[in-house]
């Protein structure tokens, strides 16, 4: 009996057995074209866990009958890579499948680079991280980058069906009867992670007693073996930042249901720090002057959540997120500042008008500092026309108020009155 895990045994043996990823291995697609041309180039395969990165790498090498070795950039040492290179020199070439390639340290990288340049080694790196963020440019520039997508439910069901019927590598020799509801649950609860689905099926097959010559796996057994829906979320991985991005964009778009969904994902990941930072940023970046109290209230909710901890922390967070999502939105304040910063950084700042310069020292008046400054509080409405911007920016307007929320509407009224007075002068 083969004691290797079912997920390992069911790995594809060639490109035609790869499930999903048709954007790479379908007719006329880039990876398929490499195989058809019998020229496998170095590449980085990246995507969520369980999408078949290492399996695809092995299948590509097997499709061309190429020798390959699998190493892990974290566990295996430079000495292991030296052995691979010596083996490649003896055979003429070799495919190195390197898991966790984003963890490749400088010493290992410097050793591999010349062998990649000479095509002695064909590298297929596998990672769950975004290579543009995590992989050294020296390695990245020598490899094609291919993203693997999370498998669709139908893809997972196809793989499960193969495993159930395959007598050589799968469970075909067992008297299995798996209900359609059980297969649906394995597929749905795996969240696109094929490895998780196959592991659940294998556990069910070998933990369910045989009765009347049959191993019957129904929905209740599938639920027990999967325990709960698999939630793929690495707080240090790219998926985490995708969720944070979706969280903010959902609040910005006033979709309260999506906002709560992504908050739920972040809570499941247990990352209160990221939730806290993002909510406070959202309150000022996306709501801003349309609801100025959103900032202090978001901060209060975060502080309450931090004090009470999970699971109760979800309660104040939910209150704040609903308010943020349904608040009127305005980015006018920080956009105005960004415009001002642009002028400053591009050399358009100009000189401060003399009447605004510091006059609290002897001799300032002789230099014209502070002369003719008009103190606004001495005038009706605490306002008097005078120039504040440098001459080069005299008529510049940065702030563009939005008529969202009562607070900014009142600011807009004041602002427009001031602009009207300035234009009449």
Protein backbone atom coordinates (compact mmCIF):
# COMPACT_ATOMS: atom_id res chain seq x y z
CA UNK A 1 0.00 0.00 0.00
CA UNK A 2 1.28 3.50 -0.90
CA UNK A 3 1.55 5.47 2.36
CA UNK A 4 2.29 8.83 0.71
CA UNK A 5 -0.49 11.41 1.18
CA UNK A 6 -3.27 11.31 -1.39
CA UNK A 7 -2.55 14.91 -2.44
CA UNK A 8 1.03 13.91 -3.25
CA UNK A 9 0.03 10.78 -5.16
CA UNK A 10 -2.53 12.65 -7.27
CA UNK A 11 -0.07 15.22 -8.56
CA UNK A 12 -0.25 15.53 -12.37
CA UNK A 13 2.31 13.52 -14.31
CA UNK A 14 2.30 15.82 -17.33
CA UNK A 15 0.89 19.11 -18.53
CA UNK A 16 -2.33 17.50 -19.78
CA UNK A 17 -3.23 16.31 -16.27
CA UNK A 18 -2.99 19.78 -14.71
CA UNK A 19 -6.38 20.85 -13.38
CA UNK A 20 -7.36 24.47 -13.94
CA UNK A 21 -4.81 27.18 -14.81
CA UNK A 22 -5.95 27.14 -18.44
CA UNK A 23 -4.66 30.71 -18.81
CA UNK A 24 -1.18 29.14 -18.62
CA UNK A 25 -1.51 25.57 -19.91
CA UNK A 26 -4.43 25.89 -22.32
CA UNK A 27 -3.95 25.69 -26.08
CA UNK A 28 -1.77 28.54 -27.31
CA UNK A 29 -0.98 29.84 -23.83
CA UNK A 30 2.56 30.66 -22.76
CA UNK A 31 3.47 27.63 -20.63
CA UNK A 32 1.85 25.26 -23.13
CA UNK A 33 3.86 26.92 -25.90
CA UNK A 34 7.09 26.29 -23.96
CA UNK A 35 6.28 22.59 -23.71
CA UNK A 36 5.22 22.36 -27.37
CA UNK A 37 8.51 24.02 -28.37
CA UNK A 38 10.49 21.71 -26.06
CA UNK A 39 12.14 24.73 -24.44
CA UNK A 40 11.42 25.12 -20.73
CA UNK A 41 12.59 28.50 -19.43
CA UNK A 42 13.22 29.56 -15.83
CA UNK A 43 10.07 30.82 -14.19
CA UNK A 44 8.42 31.84 -10.93
CA UNK A 45 5.01 30.31 -10.21
CA UNK A 46 3.11 32.30 -7.60
CA UNK A 47 -0.39 32.08 -6.17
CA UNK A 48 -2.47 31.04 -3.13
CA UNK A 49 -1.78 27.80 -1.23
CA UNK A 50 -3.14 24.62 -2.77
CA UNK A 51 -3.25 25.92 -6.35
CA UNK A 52 -0.69 23.36 -7.54
CA UNK A 53 2.50 25.37 -8.00
CA UNK A 54 4.94 22.59 -7.12
CA UNK A 55 2.73 20.02 -8.86
CA UNK A 56 2.74 22.11 -12.03
CA UNK A 57 6.52 22.48 -11.86
CA UNK A 58 6.96 18.71 -11.61
CA UNK A 59 4.46 18.10 -14.41
CA UNK A 60 6.30 20.49 -16.73
CA UNK A 61 9.63 18.76 -16.13
CA UNK A 62 8.03 15.34 -16.62
CA UNK A 63 6.31 16.47 -19.82
CA UNK A 64 9.75 17.01 -21.40
CA UNK A 65 11.41 14.07 -19.62
CA UNK A 66 13.79 16.46 -17.86
CA UNK A 67 15.67 15.54 -14.71
CA UNK A 68 14.55 17.61 -11.74
CA UNK A 69 15.28 18.13 -8.06
CA UNK A 70 13.01 19.72 -5.47
CA UNK A 71 14.57 21.93 -2.79
CA UNK A 72 13.21 24.39 -0.27
CA UNK A 73 14.84 27.82 -0.03
CA UNK A 74 14.32 27.88 3.73
CA UNK A 75 15.26 24.34 4.77
CA UNK A 76 17.90 23.35 2.24
CA UNK A 77 21.38 24.80 2.47
CA UNK A 78 23.80 26.14 -0.11
CA UNK A 79 25.57 22.76 0.04
CA UNK A 80 22.38 21.09 -1.25
CA UNK A 81 22.35 23.48 -4.19
CA UNK A 82 26.00 22.73 -4.91
CA UNK A 83 25.11 19.04 -5.16
CA UNK A 84 22.31 19.89 -7.62
CA UNK A 85 24.72 21.92 -9.77
CA UNK A 86 27.28 19.10 -9.83
CA UNK A 87 24.55 16.69 -10.89
CA UNK A 88 23.50 19.14 -13.63
CA UNK A 89 27.09 19.32 -14.89
CA UNK A 90 27.18 15.54 -15.17
CA UNK A 91 23.85 15.27 -16.99
CA UNK A 92 24.14 18.45 -19.05
CA UNK A 93 21.20 20.28 -17.50
CA UNK A 94 18.65 19.98 -14.70
CA UNK A 95 15.42 21.58 -13.51
CA UNK A 96 15.60 22.94 -9.96
CA UNK A 97 12.14 23.26 -8.39
CA UNK A 98 12.61 25.64 -5.48
CA UNK A 99 9.77 25.98 -2.98
CA UNK A 100 9.53 29.15 -0.88
CA UNK A 101 11.74 30.85 -3.47
CA UNK A 102 11.00 34.27 -1.93
CA UNK A 103 13.06 33.16 1.09
CA UNK A 104 16.21 32.67 -0.97
CA UNK A 105 19.06 34.38 0.87
CA UNK A 106 21.85 36.33 -0.81
CA UNK A 107 24.46 33.58 -0.52
CA UNK A 108 22.26 30.99 -2.24
CA UNK A 109 21.12 33.51 -4.80
CA UNK A 110 24.67 34.56 -5.72
CA UNK A 111 25.59 30.90 -6.12
CA UNK A 112 22.64 30.14 -8.43
CA UNK A 113 22.76 33.23 -10.69
CA UNK A 114 25.68 32.22 -12.95
CA UNK A 115 24.17 28.77 -13.46
CA UNK A 116 20.87 30.33 -14.48
CA UNK A 117 22.74 32.61 -16.88
CA UNK A 118 24.44 29.64 -18.52
CA UNK A 119 21.20 27.61 -18.65
CA UNK A 120 22.89 24.81 -16.74
CA UNK A 121 20.03 25.14 -14.25
CA UNK A 122 16.42 25.83 -15.20
CA UNK A 123 14.80 27.31 -12.11
CA UNK A 124 11.12 26.91 -11.35
CA UNK A 125 10.49 28.87 -8.18
CA UNK A 126 7.25 28.42 -6.25
CA UNK A 127 5.85 30.95 -3.79
CA UNK A 128 2.64 32.25 -2.27
CA UNK A 129 4.11 35.76 -2.22
CA UNK A 130 3.92 38.43 -4.88
CA UNK A 131 7.30 38.18 -6.68
CA UNK A 132 7.33 41.91 -7.39
CA UNK A 133 7.35 42.53 -3.65
CA UNK A 134 9.33 39.61 -2.30
CA UNK A 135 11.83 38.27 -4.82
CA UNK A 136 15.18 39.88 -5.45
CA UNK A 137 15.24 41.67 -8.84
CA UNK A 138 18.39 39.76 -9.85
CA UNK A 139 16.46 36.47 -9.72
CA UNK A 140 13.19 37.95 -10.92
CA UNK A 141 14.72 39.47 -14.05
CA UNK A 142 15.98 36.04 -15.14
CA UNK A 143 12.61 34.34 -14.82
CA UNK A 144 9.20 34.48 -16.43
CA UNK A 145 6.50 35.27 -13.85
CA UNK A 146 3.29 33.23 -13.95
CA UNK A 147 0.40 33.65 -11.54
CA UNK A 148 -1.69 30.62 -10.62
CA UNK A 149 -5.31 31.36 -9.74
CA UNK A 150 -7.32 29.87 -6.93
CA UNK A 151 -9.12 26.81 -8.26
CA UNK A 152 -12.83 27.01 -9.03
CA UNK A 153 -15.24 24.68 -7.26
CA UNK A 154 -15.67 22.63 -10.44
CA UNK A 155 -11.90 22.15 -10.69
CA UNK A 156 -11.74 20.83 -7.12
CA UNK A 157 -14.68 18.50 -7.75
CA UNK A 158 -12.95 17.18 -10.86
CA UNK A 159 -9.81 16.40 -8.85
CA UNK A 160 -11.86 14.70 -6.12
CA UNK A 161 -13.62 12.53 -8.69
CA UNK A 162 -10.26 11.51 -10.14
CA UNK A 163 -8.97 10.59 -6.71
CA UNK A 164 -12.05 8.50 -5.91
CA UNK A 165 -11.82 6.46 -9.12
CA UNK A 166 -8.04 6.25 -9.70
CA UNK A 167 -7.02 2.68 -8.80
CA UNK A 168 -3.29 3.26 -9.22
CA UNK A 169 -2.61 6.44 -7.24
CA UNK A 170 -5.98 7.31 -5.75
CA UNK A 171 -8.65 5.59 -3.69
CA UNK A 172 -10.12 3.46 -6.49
CA UNK A 173 -9.29 0.18 -4.74
CA UNK A 174 -11.48 1.11 -1.76
CA UNK A 175 -15.22 0.36 -1.78
CA UNK A 176 -16.03 4.08 -1.55
CA UNK A 177 -19.45 5.60 -2.01
CA UNK A 178 -19.20 9.39 -1.67
CA UNK A 179 -22.45 11.32 -1.94
CA UNK A 180 -22.74 14.36 -4.19
CA UNK A 181 -23.43 16.52 -1.09
CA UNK A 182 -20.18 15.30 0.49
CA UNK A 183 -18.17 16.09 -2.65
CA UNK A 184 -19.79 19.54 -2.77
CA UNK A 185 -18.79 20.14 0.84
CA UNK A 186 -15.19 19.01 0.33
CA UNK A 187 -14.95 21.33 -2.68
CA UNK A 188 -16.71 24.34 -1.18
CA UNK A 189 -15.11 24.23 2.25
CA UNK A 190 -11.59 23.96 0.83
CA UNK A 191 -11.81 27.55 -0.43
CA UNK A 192 -10.01 26.60 -3.63
CA UNK A 193 -7.20 24.76 -1.82
CA UNK A 194 -7.04 21.41 -3.60
CA UNK A 195 -4.61 19.97 -1.07
CA UNK A 196 -7.09 20.66 1.75
CA UNK A 197 -9.93 19.02 -0.17
CA UNK A 198 -7.90 15.87 -0.93
CA UNK A 199 -6.67 15.68 2.66
CA UNK A 200 -10.28 15.83 3.86
CA UNK A 201 -11.35 13.12 1.44
CA UNK A 202 -8.45 10.89 2.46
CA UNK A 203 -9.24 11.31 6.15
CA UNK A 204 -12.86 10.42 5.49
CA UNK A 205 -11.92 7.34 3.45
CA UNK A 206 -9.59 5.87 6.07
CA UNK A 207 -11.47 6.89 9.21
CA UNK A 208 -14.94 5.72 8.18
CA UNK A 209 -15.68 2.08 9.14
CA UNK A 210 -16.71 -0.25 6.34
CA UNK A 211 -20.28 -1.48 6.62
CA UNK A 212 -21.73 -4.22 4.47
CA UNK A 213 -18.72 -4.06 2.18
CA UNK A 214 -18.95 -0.32 1.63
CA UNK A 215 -17.34 2.86 2.95
CA UNK A 216 -20.18 5.36 2.87
CA UNK A 217 -19.19 9.03 3.08
CA UNK A 218 -22.09 11.44 3.42
CA UNK A 219 -22.32 15.15 4.19
CA UNK A 220 -22.02 14.73 7.97
CA UNK A 221 -18.76 12.79 7.62
CA UNK A 222 -17.41 15.34 5.15
CA UNK A 223 -18.23 18.14 7.61
CA UNK A 224 -16.41 16.33 10.41
CA UNK A 225 -13.34 15.66 8.29
CA UNK A 226 -13.08 19.24 7.00
CA UNK A 227 -13.92 20.51 10.52
CA UNK A 228 -14.72 23.98 9.18
CA UNK A 229 -14.34 25.96 6.04
CA UNK A 230 -10.70 26.42 5.22
CA UNK A 231 -9.67 30.04 5.54
CA UNK A 232 -6.49 30.86 3.67
CA UNK A 233 -5.07 34.01 5.16
CA UNK A 234 -1.42 34.61 5.96
CA UNK A 235 -0.99 37.83 7.91
CA UNK A 236 2.39 38.32 6.25
CA UNK A 237 1.31 37.27 2.76
CA UNK A 238 -0.08 39.11 -0.23
CA UNK A 239 -3.61 37.79 0.33
CA UNK A 240 -3.64 39.76 3.57
CA UNK A 241 -2.96 43.04 1.78
CA UNK A 242 -5.56 42.16 -0.84
CA UNK A 243 -8.15 41.81 1.94
CA UNK A 244 -7.08 45.09 3.54
CA UNK A 245 -7.35 46.79 0.15
CA UNK A 246 -10.81 45.31 -0.46
CA UNK A 247 -11.83 46.35 3.08
CA UNK A 248 -10.95 50.01 2.50
CA UNK A 249 -12.36 50.13 -1.02
CA UNK A 250 -15.66 48.63 0.16
CA UNK A 251 -16.01 51.26 2.89
CA UNK A 252 -15.01 54.00 0.42
CA UNK A 253 -17.69 52.66 -1.94
CA UNK A 254 -20.30 52.70 0.88
CA UNK A 255 -20.99 48.94 0.53
CA UNK A 256 -21.65 48.10 4.15
CA UNK A 257 -22.17 44.38 3.49
CA UNK A 258 -18.84 43.96 1.69
CA UNK A 259 -17.17 46.08 4.39
CA UNK A 260 -18.43 43.72 7.10
CA UNK A 261 -17.42 40.68 5.04
CA UNK A 262 -13.81 41.82 4.73
CA UNK A 263 -13.77 42.90 8.37
CA UNK A 264 -14.83 39.33 9.16
CA UNK A 265 -11.90 37.95 7.17
CA UNK A 266 -9.47 40.16 9.04
CA UNK A 267 -11.01 39.14 12.36
CA UNK A 268 -10.68 35.45 11.41
CA UNK A 269 -7.01 36.14 10.70
CA UNK A 270 -6.76 37.65 14.21
CA UNK A 271 -5.02 40.79 12.94
CA UNK A 272 -6.37 43.54 15.17
CA UNK A 273 -3.36 45.79 14.52
CA UNK A 274 -4.01 45.99 10.78
CA UNK A 275 -7.74 46.48 11.32
CA UNK A 276 -7.04 49.33 13.72
CA UNK A 277 -4.58 51.13 11.45
CA UNK A 278 -6.76 50.78 8.38
CA UNK A 279 -9.97 51.95 10.08
CA UNK A 280 -8.35 55.11 11.42
CA UNK A 281 -6.80 55.86 8.04
CA UNK A 282 -10.18 55.33 6.34
CA UNK A 283 -11.91 57.69 8.77
CA UNK A 284 -9.63 60.55 7.75
CA UNK A 285 -8.79 59.64 4.16
CA UNK A 286 -12.20 58.62 2.83
CA UNK A 287 -14.73 60.23 5.19
CA UNK A 288 -12.73 63.27 6.24
CA UNK A 289 -14.63 66.53 6.49
CA UNK A 290 -17.91 64.92 5.43
CA UNK A 291 -18.15 63.46 8.94
CA UNK A 292 -15.25 64.74 11.11
CA UNK A 293 -16.46 62.79 14.15
CA UNK A 294 -15.85 59.51 12.32
CA UNK A 295 -12.13 59.76 13.13
CA UNK A 296 -12.46 60.10 16.91
CA UNK A 297 -15.22 57.49 16.99
CA UNK A 298 -13.16 55.03 14.94
CA UNK A 299 -10.25 55.59 17.33
CA UNK A 300 -12.54 55.02 20.33
CA UNK A 301 -13.82 51.77 18.79
CA UNK A 302 -10.26 50.60 18.13
CA UNK A 303 -9.18 51.40 21.68
CA UNK A 304 -12.21 49.53 23.05
CA UNK A 305 -11.43 46.54 20.82
CA UNK A 306 -7.80 46.50 21.92
CA UNK A 307 -8.82 46.66 25.58
CA UNK A 308 -11.36 43.83 25.50
CA UNK A 309 -9.68 41.63 22.87
CA UNK A 310 -11.25 38.98 20.63
CA UNK A 311 -13.88 37.62 20.36
CA UNK A 312 -15.76 40.59 21.90
CA UNK A 313 -13.55 43.07 20.04
CA UNK A 314 -15.65 42.39 16.95
CA UNK A 315 -18.58 44.29 18.55
CA UNK A 316 -17.14 47.85 18.68
CA UNK A 317 -15.36 47.21 15.35
CA UNK A 318 -18.66 46.32 13.69
CA UNK A 319 -20.30 49.51 14.97
CA UNK A 320 -17.48 51.67 13.64
CA UNK A 321 -17.31 49.93 10.27
CA UNK A 322 -21.03 50.34 9.66
CA UNK A 323 -20.73 54.06 10.44
CA UNK A 324 -17.68 54.45 8.20
CA UNK A 325 -19.33 52.63 5.31
CA UNK A 326 -22.56 54.64 5.50
CA UNK A 327 -20.99 58.03 6.23
CA UNK A 328 -20.84 60.64 3.47
CA UNK A 329 -17.41 60.62 1.85
CA UNK A 330 -14.91 63.41 1.23
CA UNK A 331 -11.20 63.38 0.41
CA UNK A 332 -11.04 67.13 -0.15
CA UNK A 333 -8.74 67.97 2.78
CA UNK A 334 -5.88 65.59 2.08
CA UNK A 335 -6.19 66.08 -1.69
CA UNK A 336 -5.77 69.82 -1.15
CA UNK A 337 -2.67 69.16 0.93
CA UNK A 338 -1.29 66.81 -1.72
CA UNK A 339 -1.66 69.59 -4.30
CA UNK A 340 0.18 71.99 -2.01
CA UNK A 341 2.95 69.43 -1.44
CA UNK A 342 3.26 68.96 -5.19
CA UNK A 343 3.92 72.66 -5.67
CA UNK A 344 6.47 72.65 -2.86
CA UNK A 345 8.29 69.59 -4.17
CA UNK A 346 8.42 70.91 -7.72
CA UNK A 347 9.99 74.22 -6.70
CA UNK A 348 6.85 76.36 -6.89
CA UNK A 349 6.79 77.47 -3.27
CA UNK A 350 7.98 81.06 -3.73
CA UNK A 351 8.93 83.54 -1.02
CA UNK A 352 6.74 84.25 2.01
CA UNK A 353 5.14 87.73 1.76
CA UNK A 354 7.11 90.23 3.86
CA UNK A 355 4.13 91.23 6.03
CA UNK A 356 3.74 87.57 7.17
CA UNK A 357 7.37 87.08 8.20
CA UNK A 358 8.45 86.94 11.82
CA UNK A 359 8.77 90.42 13.34
CA UNK A 360 9.68 89.43 16.92
CA UNK A 361 13.26 90.61 16.86
CA UNK A 362 15.03 93.98 16.76
CA UNK A 363 15.72 95.20 13.28
CA UNK A 364 12.84 93.26 11.74
CA UNK A 365 10.99 96.45 10.80
CA UNK A 366 14.07 97.81 9.04
CA UNK A 367 14.04 94.69 6.89
CA UNK A 368 10.35 95.14 6.17
CA UNK A 369 9.41 92.06 8.18
CA UNK A 370 5.82 92.06 9.50
CA UNK A 371 5.16 95.62 8.28
CA UNK A 372 1.59 96.27 7.16
CA UNK A 373 0.31 93.00 8.60
CA UNK A 374 -3.42 93.28 9.36
CA UNK A 375 -4.59 91.43 12.48
CA UNK A 376 -7.91 89.74 11.41
CA UNK A 377 -9.45 89.86 14.90
CA UNK A 378 -9.50 93.63 14.70
CA UNK A 379 -11.92 93.54 11.81
CA UNK A 380 -15.59 92.66 11.42
CA UNK A 381 -16.14 88.93 11.13
CA UNK A 382 -12.46 88.40 12.03
CA UNK A 383 -11.57 88.63 8.36
CA UNK A 384 -9.71 91.20 6.27
CA UNK A 385 -8.38 90.88 2.74
CA UNK A 386 -4.61 90.54 2.52
CA UNK A 387 -2.18 88.31 0.66
CA UNK A 388 -1.05 85.13 2.36
CA UNK A 389 0.33 82.99 -0.46
CA UNK A 390 3.68 83.76 -2.10
CA UNK A 391 3.54 85.93 -5.23
CA UNK A 392 4.16 82.94 -7.49
CA UNK A 393 1.06 81.23 -6.10
CA UNK A 394 -1.02 84.31 -5.38
CA UNK A 395 -4.22 83.09 -7.05
CA UNK A 396 -3.73 79.39 -6.36
CA UNK A 397 -6.64 77.40 -4.89
CA UNK A 398 -5.94 73.97 -3.41
CA UNK A 399 -9.07 73.21 -1.46
CA UNK A 400 -12.06 72.04 -3.51
CA UNK A 401 -14.91 71.48 -1.04
CA UNK A 402 -17.44 68.72 -1.54
CA UNK A 403 -21.11 69.12 -0.71
CA UNK A 404 -21.23 65.87 1.27
CA UNK A 405 -22.17 66.01 4.92
CA UNK A 406 -23.49 68.99 6.83
CA UNK A 407 -20.09 69.89 8.27
CA UNK A 408 -18.30 70.28 4.95
CA UNK A 409 -21.33 71.98 3.45
CA UNK A 410 -20.99 74.69 6.11
CA UNK A 411 -17.25 74.95 5.43
CA UNK A 412 -18.05 75.25 1.72
CA UNK A 413 -20.38 78.17 2.41
CA UNK A 414 -17.72 80.03 4.42
CA UNK A 415 -15.02 79.26 1.86
CA UNK A 416 -17.10 80.49 -1.07
CA UNK A 417 -17.93 83.73 0.76
CA UNK A 418 -14.22 84.37 1.35
CA UNK A 419 -13.38 83.63 -2.29
CA UNK A 420 -16.18 85.96 -3.40
CA UNK A 421 -14.82 88.80 -1.25
CA UNK A 422 -11.30 88.23 -2.59
CA UNK A 423 -12.52 88.38 -6.17
CA UNK A 424 -14.33 91.67 -5.54
CA UNK A 425 -11.17 93.32 -4.19
